[in-house]
Protein backbone atom coordinates (compact mmCIF):
# COMPACT_ATOMS: atom_id res chain seq x y z
CA MET A 1 27.44 20.23 9.17
CA ARG A 2 28.94 17.57 6.97
CA ARG A 3 28.93 15.24 10.53
CA TYR A 4 25.32 15.47 11.01
CA ALA A 5 24.55 14.90 7.32
CA LEU A 6 26.73 11.74 7.23
CA GLN A 7 25.01 10.57 10.78
CA LYS A 8 21.44 11.22 8.90
CA LEU A 9 22.41 9.31 6.36
CA ALA A 10 23.55 6.48 8.17
CA HIS A 11 20.60 5.91 10.19
CA ILE A 12 18.46 6.56 6.96
CA ASP A 13 20.25 3.90 5.40
CA GLU A 14 19.65 1.87 8.28
CA HIS A 15 16.05 2.25 8.47
CA TYR A 16 16.15 1.10 4.67
CA SER A 17 18.11 -1.82 5.19
CA ALA A 18 16.32 -2.90 7.79
CA ARG A 19 12.64 -1.97 6.56
CA TYR A 20 12.88 -2.68 2.32
CA GLY A 21 16.32 -4.27 2.33
CA MET A 22 18.08 -2.15 0.61
CA SER A 23 21.08 0.23 1.27
CA MET A 24 21.45 3.64 -0.23
CA ILE A 25 25.08 3.87 0.72
CA GLU A 26 25.52 0.05 -1.05
CA ASN A 27 24.19 1.96 -4.16
CA GLN A 28 26.29 4.83 -4.17
CA LYS A 29 28.78 2.48 -3.72
CA MET A 30 28.29 0.35 -6.43
CA ILE A 31 27.24 3.46 -9.19
CA LYS A 32 30.51 4.69 -8.36
CA GLU A 33 32.28 1.41 -8.76
CA LYS A 34 30.07 0.10 -11.95
CA GLY A 35 28.70 3.40 -13.13
CA MET A 36 24.96 4.52 -13.09
CA ASP A 37 23.81 2.46 -16.42
CA GLU A 38 25.05 -0.99 -14.49
CA PHE A 39 23.36 0.35 -11.36
CA LEU A 40 20.35 1.23 -13.16
CA LYS A 41 20.33 -2.09 -15.17
CA SER A 42 20.78 -4.54 -11.81
CA GLN A 43 17.87 -2.45 -9.93
CA THR A 44 15.61 -2.93 -12.87
CA GLU A 45 15.75 -6.46 -12.89
CA LYS A 46 15.59 -6.40 -8.90
CA TYR A 47 12.63 -5.11 -9.23
CA ARG A 48 10.87 -5.93 -12.47
CA CYS A 49 7.42 -6.92 -11.88
CA PRO A 50 6.43 -10.71 -12.54
CA SER A 51 3.23 -9.92 -14.15
CA CYS A 52 3.90 -7.14 -16.50
CA GLY A 53 7.72 -6.16 -16.46
CA ASP A 54 6.83 -2.55 -14.97
CA LEU A 55 8.93 -1.97 -12.01
CA VAL A 56 7.48 -2.93 -7.97
CA SER A 57 7.76 -0.39 -5.61
CA VAL A 58 10.99 -0.77 -3.05
CA HIS A 59 7.98 0.83 -0.45
CA ASP A 60 5.12 -1.69 -0.68
CA GLY A 61 5.94 -4.50 -3.28
CA LYS A 62 3.14 -3.01 -5.59
CA CYS A 63 3.51 -2.14 -9.40
CA TYR A 64 1.71 0.34 -10.12
CA ALA A 65 1.37 -0.40 -13.84
CA CYS A 66 -0.19 -3.47 -13.42
CA GLY A 67 -1.80 -3.73 -10.04
CA TYR A 68 0.90 -6.82 -8.97
CA GLN A 69 1.28 -6.80 -5.20
CA GLY A 70 4.32 -8.74 -4.25
CA GLU A 71 4.94 -9.48 -1.09
CA LYS A 72 5.03 -6.24 1.41
CA PRO A 73 8.60 -5.14 2.95
CA LEU A 74 7.69 -5.89 6.64
CA ARG A 75 6.52 -9.16 6.16
CA LYS A 76 9.64 -10.14 3.55
CA LEU A 77 11.60 -9.18 6.74
CA ALA A 78 9.48 -10.71 9.47
CA ASN A 79 9.42 -14.07 6.95
CA LEU A 80 13.26 -13.66 7.25
CA ASN A 81 13.54 -13.48 10.97
CA GLY A 82 10.73 -14.97 11.96
CA LYS A 83 9.19 -12.18 13.79
CA GLY A 84 5.85 -9.44 13.26
CA SER A 85 6.27 -6.25 11.64
CA MET A 86 6.63 -4.83 15.28
CA GLY A 87 8.89 -7.46 16.43
CA THR A 88 7.05 -9.57 17.79
CA ASP A 89 6.80 -13.72 17.27
CA GLN A 90 4.05 -14.63 14.86
CA LYS A 91 2.07 -17.51 16.06
């Protein structure tokens, strides 16, 4: 059972790393090494809305406090690797 859970976590982590540029496993490591307060501080800075200072969603790049729409994660990934959200070259 534990092995299955670890495999599932690794699969989800791979998906989140590719799609959203964040790793739940790395987050866990940071919490263990630096503590929850430092982790939350770093995440607050990383996902701070440039418009109102609230938090921007990792899933869609939107601030639900003010409506700011940042770059959507798949577009961000596409810009990094020169491919569209479905892995096809953009023209």
